[in-house]
């Protein structure tokens, strides 16, 4: 009888401890403006060497002079643009801080270029970025989610009428985004790729970029085919990336950002 009572007390204490732990996580997540699950993920990601304190955004110094100073840049994308493996800090935040430019970061994890939901790149560009924004550059992520979710690639249209594009396809949605940005803000449009990993579907998306560039005059930041990016050592790759798609803070700051900034500087100089 006493043994059963003792087990019951232990069970009650265990339940109370679990409830208190969950409550603490909820409070900490609430104070940080995030949910408890995201708080737990951030705690895990914070332990990665590439997310060490020295790479945190607050420790990044602005450049003395930058061609991007005073510009407004919108970064449109999903988890890579969001910084899902780097505590919500991505190339967008580093470029904004380093170059003293205004950043609009429109990024939602798991979303696609293909216009299949109200969270697609197309829908968020239309609904979330005000048309009266004085936008200089739109930087759009070539989403790995379209590849992993086996979205149809489609083909490049003969038209430049945005209502003619098949937004059920990747290329149709990309053309719509380009046309919408150019018509709405008369801004430069940049597509950036991820670094190389094993994916035939994503390779096909990357291979379509030169034809889009020729048709629309867009700029492409091709990290996928960049020889310097692909020459990185296995040790550095493991430091820069949390997996084969998502960089750490060091990966963005030390590996991706210098290449992206050089392209953006050239783009601004040519305007």
Protein backbone atom coordinates (compact mmCIF):
# COMPACT_ATOMS: atom_id res chain seq x y z
CA UNK A 1 0.00 0.00 0.00
CA UNK A 2 2.80 2.40 0.95
CA UNK A 3 4.68 1.50 -2.24
CA UNK A 4 1.67 2.37 -4.40
CA UNK A 5 1.22 5.65 -2.56
CA UNK A 6 4.91 6.46 -3.04
CA UNK A 7 4.71 5.78 -6.78
CA UNK A 8 1.66 8.02 -7.03
CA UNK A 9 3.48 10.86 -5.28
CA UNK A 10 6.50 10.46 -7.61
CA UNK A 11 4.19 10.55 -10.64
CA UNK A 12 2.45 13.70 -9.40
CA UNK A 13 5.79 15.40 -8.75
CA UNK A 14 7.02 14.42 -12.23
CA UNK A 15 3.87 15.84 -13.83
CA UNK A 16 4.26 19.08 -11.87
CA UNK A 17 7.90 19.39 -12.99
CA UNK A 18 6.95 18.82 -16.64
CA UNK A 19 4.19 21.44 -16.39
CA UNK A 20 6.55 23.94 -14.78
CA UNK A 21 9.20 23.30 -17.44
CA UNK A 22 6.68 23.82 -20.24
CA UNK A 23 5.41 26.97 -18.54
CA UNK A 24 8.96 28.31 -18.29
CA UNK A 25 9.59 27.59 -21.96
CA UNK A 26 6.34 29.34 -22.86
CA UNK A 27 7.27 32.40 -20.79
CA UNK A 28 10.81 32.55 -22.23
CA UNK A 29 9.46 32.12 -25.75
CA UNK A 30 6.80 34.77 -25.14
CA UNK A 31 9.35 37.25 -23.83
CA UNK A 32 11.48 36.64 -26.90
CA UNK A 33 8.52 37.11 -29.21
CA UNK A 34 8.55 33.44 -30.27
CA UNK A 35 6.78 30.23 -29.31
CA UNK A 36 8.24 27.57 -27.00
CA UNK A 37 9.09 25.18 -29.85
CA UNK A 38 11.01 27.88 -31.68
CA UNK A 39 12.68 28.83 -28.42
CA UNK A 40 13.86 25.22 -28.01
CA UNK A 41 15.11 25.13 -31.60
CA UNK A 42 17.01 28.39 -31.11
CA UNK A 43 18.59 26.98 -27.96
CA UNK A 44 19.78 23.97 -29.95
CA UNK A 45 21.04 26.07 -32.86
CA UNK A 46 22.86 28.41 -30.48
CA UNK A 47 25.20 25.54 -29.59
CA UNK A 48 26.48 25.22 -33.17
CA UNK A 49 30.04 26.60 -33.52
CA UNK A 50 28.94 28.61 -36.56
CA UNK A 51 26.38 30.42 -34.39
CA UNK A 52 28.89 31.51 -31.75
CA UNK A 53 28.56 34.94 -30.16
CA UNK A 54 31.26 36.52 -32.31
CA UNK A 55 29.01 36.09 -35.36
CA UNK A 56 25.90 37.58 -33.76
CA UNK A 57 24.37 40.53 -35.57
CA UNK A 58 25.03 42.97 -32.72
CA UNK A 59 28.76 42.28 -33.04
CA UNK A 60 28.92 43.14 -36.74
CA UNK A 61 30.39 46.54 -37.52
CA UNK A 62 28.99 48.73 -40.34
CA UNK A 63 31.25 49.42 -43.29
CA UNK A 64 32.80 52.86 -43.46
CA UNK A 65 31.34 53.48 -46.90
CA UNK A 66 29.03 51.33 -49.01
CA UNK A 67 27.35 51.70 -52.42
CA UNK A 68 24.21 50.29 -50.79
CA UNK A 69 24.01 52.98 -48.11
CA UNK A 70 20.54 54.52 -48.01
CA UNK A 71 19.08 51.92 -50.38
CA UNK A 72 15.93 49.92 -49.63
CA UNK A 73 16.19 46.20 -50.35
CA UNK A 74 13.43 43.62 -50.02
CA UNK A 75 14.52 40.03 -49.38
CA UNK A 76 11.76 37.61 -50.38
CA UNK A 77 12.08 33.95 -49.50
CA UNK A 78 11.61 31.09 -47.10
CA UNK A 79 13.75 29.45 -44.39
CA UNK A 80 17.14 30.30 -45.94
CA UNK A 81 16.20 33.98 -46.20
CA UNK A 82 14.65 33.78 -42.74
CA UNK A 83 17.72 32.25 -41.10
CA UNK A 84 15.95 29.25 -39.61
CA UNK A 85 19.17 27.51 -38.55
CA UNK A 86 20.84 30.71 -37.33
CA UNK A 87 18.38 32.07 -34.77
CA UNK A 88 16.49 34.20 -37.28
CA UNK A 89 19.54 36.02 -38.63
CA UNK A 90 20.35 35.69 -42.33
CA UNK A 91 22.25 37.41 -45.11
CA UNK A 92 19.47 40.01 -45.24
CA UNK A 93 20.19 41.18 -41.69
CA UNK A 94 23.96 41.20 -42.17
CA UNK A 95 23.76 43.12 -45.45
CA UNK A 96 21.44 45.66 -43.86
CA UNK A 97 23.71 46.16 -40.84
CA UNK A 98 27.00 46.20 -42.75
CA UNK A 99 25.83 48.51 -45.52
CA UNK A 100 23.54 50.89 -43.60
CA UNK A 101 20.59 50.16 -45.86
CA UNK A 102 16.90 49.59 -45.12
CA UNK A 103 15.85 45.95 -45.26
CA UNK A 104 12.41 44.46 -45.77
CA UNK A 105 12.69 40.80 -44.83
CA UNK A 106 9.64 38.90 -46.11
CA UNK A 107 10.51 35.30 -45.29
CA UNK A 108 8.34 32.39 -44.13
CA UNK A 109 9.73 28.91 -43.55
CA UNK A 110 8.54 26.13 -45.85
CA UNK A 111 6.98 28.38 -48.48
CA UNK A 112 7.32 28.12 -52.25
CA UNK A 113 7.75 30.26 -55.31
CA UNK A 114 4.92 28.26 -56.87
CA UNK A 115 1.70 30.11 -56.13
CA UNK A 116 -0.15 27.30 -54.39
CA UNK A 117 -1.21 29.02 -51.15
CA UNK A 118 -1.69 32.45 -49.58
CA UNK A 119 1.84 32.11 -48.16
CA UNK A 120 3.54 31.68 -51.53
CA UNK A 121 6.24 34.13 -52.55
CA UNK A 122 3.82 35.68 -55.04
CA UNK A 123 1.04 36.25 -52.51
CA UNK A 124 3.31 37.67 -49.83
CA UNK A 125 4.98 40.03 -52.30
CA UNK A 126 1.56 41.35 -53.31
CA UNK A 127 0.02 41.54 -49.83
CA UNK A 128 2.95 42.20 -47.50
CA UNK A 129 5.19 44.67 -49.35
CA UNK A 130 3.45 48.07 -49.69
CA UNK A 131 3.20 49.33 -53.25
CA UNK A 132 4.21 52.83 -52.15
CA UNK A 133 7.56 51.57 -50.80
CA UNK A 134 10.52 53.32 -52.37
CA UNK A 135 12.12 50.01 -53.25
CA UNK A 136 15.51 49.89 -54.96
CA UNK A 137 16.19 46.15 -55.16
CA UNK A 138 14.16 42.97 -54.77
CA UNK A 139 16.31 39.97 -53.83
CA UNK A 140 14.37 36.72 -54.26
CA UNK A 141 15.43 33.28 -53.08
CA UNK A 142 15.39 30.41 -55.56
CA UNK A 143 13.47 28.20 -53.17
CA UNK A 144 14.64 24.68 -52.37
CA UNK A 145 11.09 23.96 -51.16
CA UNK A 146 9.81 23.91 -54.74
CA UNK A 147 12.39 21.25 -55.53
CA UNK A 148 11.76 19.14 -52.43
CA UNK A 149 7.98 19.38 -52.86
CA UNK A 150 8.29 18.37 -56.53
CA UNK A 151 6.58 21.47 -57.91
CA UNK A 152 6.42 21.54 -61.74
CA UNK A 153 9.17 23.63 -63.34
CA UNK A 154 7.07 24.81 -66.29
CA UNK A 155 8.51 26.90 -69.09
CA UNK A 156 9.41 30.50 -69.84
CA UNK A 157 6.56 32.33 -71.53
CA UNK A 158 6.80 34.30 -74.77
CA UNK A 159 4.82 37.07 -73.07
CA UNK A 160 5.66 39.79 -70.58
CA UNK A 161 2.04 40.18 -69.50
CA UNK A 162 2.00 39.04 -65.90
CA UNK A 163 -1.55 37.69 -66.21
CA UNK A 164 -0.32 35.26 -68.87
CA UNK A 165 2.05 33.37 -66.57
CA UNK A 166 1.20 29.92 -65.21
CA UNK A 167 1.68 30.49 -61.48
CA UNK A 168 1.06 26.80 -60.80
CA UNK A 169 4.62 26.32 -62.06
CA UNK A 170 7.96 27.52 -60.70
CA UNK A 171 8.96 29.50 -63.77
CA UNK A 172 5.51 31.01 -64.16
CA UNK A 173 5.63 32.30 -60.58
CA UNK A 174 9.16 33.60 -61.03
CA UNK A 175 8.13 35.52 -64.13
CA UNK A 176 5.15 36.94 -62.28
CA UNK A 177 7.38 38.13 -59.43
CA UNK A 178 9.77 39.80 -61.88
CA UNK A 179 6.98 41.49 -63.84
CA UNK A 180 5.16 42.61 -60.68
CA UNK A 181 8.31 44.10 -59.13
CA UNK A 182 9.34 45.92 -62.29
CA UNK A 183 5.86 47.32 -62.87
CA UNK A 184 5.18 48.23 -59.23
CA UNK A 185 8.52 49.64 -58.09
CA UNK A 186 10.62 49.87 -61.28
CA UNK A 187 13.34 48.24 -59.20
CA UNK A 188 16.20 45.88 -59.93
CA UNK A 189 15.34 42.20 -59.44
CA UNK A 190 17.89 39.69 -58.18
CA UNK A 191 17.48 35.93 -57.80
CA UNK A 192 19.96 34.08 -55.61
CA UNK A 193 20.56 30.35 -55.45
CA UNK A 194 21.60 28.17 -52.56
CA UNK A 195 24.98 26.48 -52.43
CA UNK A 196 25.35 23.10 -54.10
CA UNK A 197 23.74 19.94 -52.74
CA UNK A 198 22.34 16.76 -54.32
CA UNK A 199 19.12 17.72 -56.13
CA UNK A 200 18.36 17.28 -59.81
CA UNK A 201 15.16 19.31 -59.42
CA UNK A 202 17.01 22.28 -57.93
CA UNK A 203 19.73 21.94 -60.56
CA UNK A 204 17.02 22.34 -63.23
CA UNK A 205 15.79 25.49 -61.49
CA UNK A 206 19.30 26.93 -61.42
CA UNK A 207 19.78 26.04 -65.09
CA UNK A 208 16.71 28.12 -66.01
CA UNK A 209 18.17 31.35 -64.62
CA UNK A 210 20.30 32.40 -67.62
CA UNK A 211 17.24 32.36 -69.90
CA UNK A 212 15.26 34.41 -67.38
CA UNK A 213 18.15 36.87 -67.11
CA UNK A 214 18.27 37.25 -70.89
CA UNK A 215 14.52 37.84 -71.17
CA UNK A 216 14.02 40.16 -68.19
CA UNK A 217 17.42 41.72 -67.52
CA UNK A 218 17.47 40.43 -63.96
CA UNK A 219 20.60 39.87 -61.89
CA UNK A 220 21.58 36.40 -60.68
CA UNK A 221 23.69 35.55 -57.64
CA UNK A 222 24.67 32.01 -58.52
CA UNK A 223 26.17 30.48 -55.39
CA UNK A 224 25.39 27.03 -56.81
CA UNK A 225 27.91 27.25 -59.66
CA UNK A 226 30.41 29.64 -58.08
CA UNK A 227 33.85 27.94 -58.22
CA UNK A 228 35.02 29.68 -55.06
CA UNK A 229 31.95 28.56 -53.13
CA UNK A 230 32.36 24.99 -54.35
CA UNK A 231 36.05 24.91 -53.43
CA UNK A 232 35.32 25.20 -49.70
CA UNK A 233 36.85 22.47 -47.54
CA UNK A 234 34.72 19.82 -45.83
CA UNK A 235 35.73 21.25 -42.47
CA UNK A 236 34.65 24.78 -43.39
CA UNK A 237 31.44 23.47 -44.98
CA UNK A 238 30.50 21.73 -41.73
CA UNK A 239 31.17 24.99 -39.88
CA UNK A 240 29.26 27.18 -42.32
CA UNK A 241 26.19 24.96 -42.77
CA UNK A 242 23.81 23.35 -40.28
CA UNK A 243 22.62 20.98 -43.04
CA UNK A 244 22.91 20.88 -46.84
CA UNK A 245 20.56 23.86 -47.30
CA UNK A 246 20.68 26.18 -44.27
CA UNK A 247 23.75 28.21 -43.25
CA UNK A 248 24.81 29.10 -39.74
CA UNK A 249 25.47 32.74 -38.88
CA UNK A 250 29.13 32.28 -39.79
CA UNK A 251 28.04 30.69 -43.06
CA UNK A 252 26.04 33.75 -43.99
CA UNK A 253 28.50 36.33 -42.70
CA UNK A 254 31.82 34.81 -43.77
CA UNK A 255 30.81 32.75 -46.82
CA UNK A 256 27.62 33.98 -48.49
CA UNK A 257 27.53 37.71 -47.75
CA UNK A 258 30.85 38.70 -49.40
CA UNK A 259 29.78 37.12 -52.71
CA UNK A 260 26.29 38.61 -52.53
CA UNK A 261 27.58 42.06 -51.64
CA UNK A 262 29.99 42.11 -54.58
CA UNK A 263 27.14 41.39 -56.97
CA UNK A 264 24.87 43.99 -55.38
CA UNK A 265 27.64 46.62 -55.52
CA UNK A 266 28.15 45.93 -59.25
CA UNK A 267 24.39 46.15 -59.79
CA UNK A 268 24.11 49.52 -58.05
CA UNK A 269 27.15 50.91 -59.88
CA UNK A 270 25.55 50.02 -63.21
CA UNK A 271 22.26 51.78 -62.46
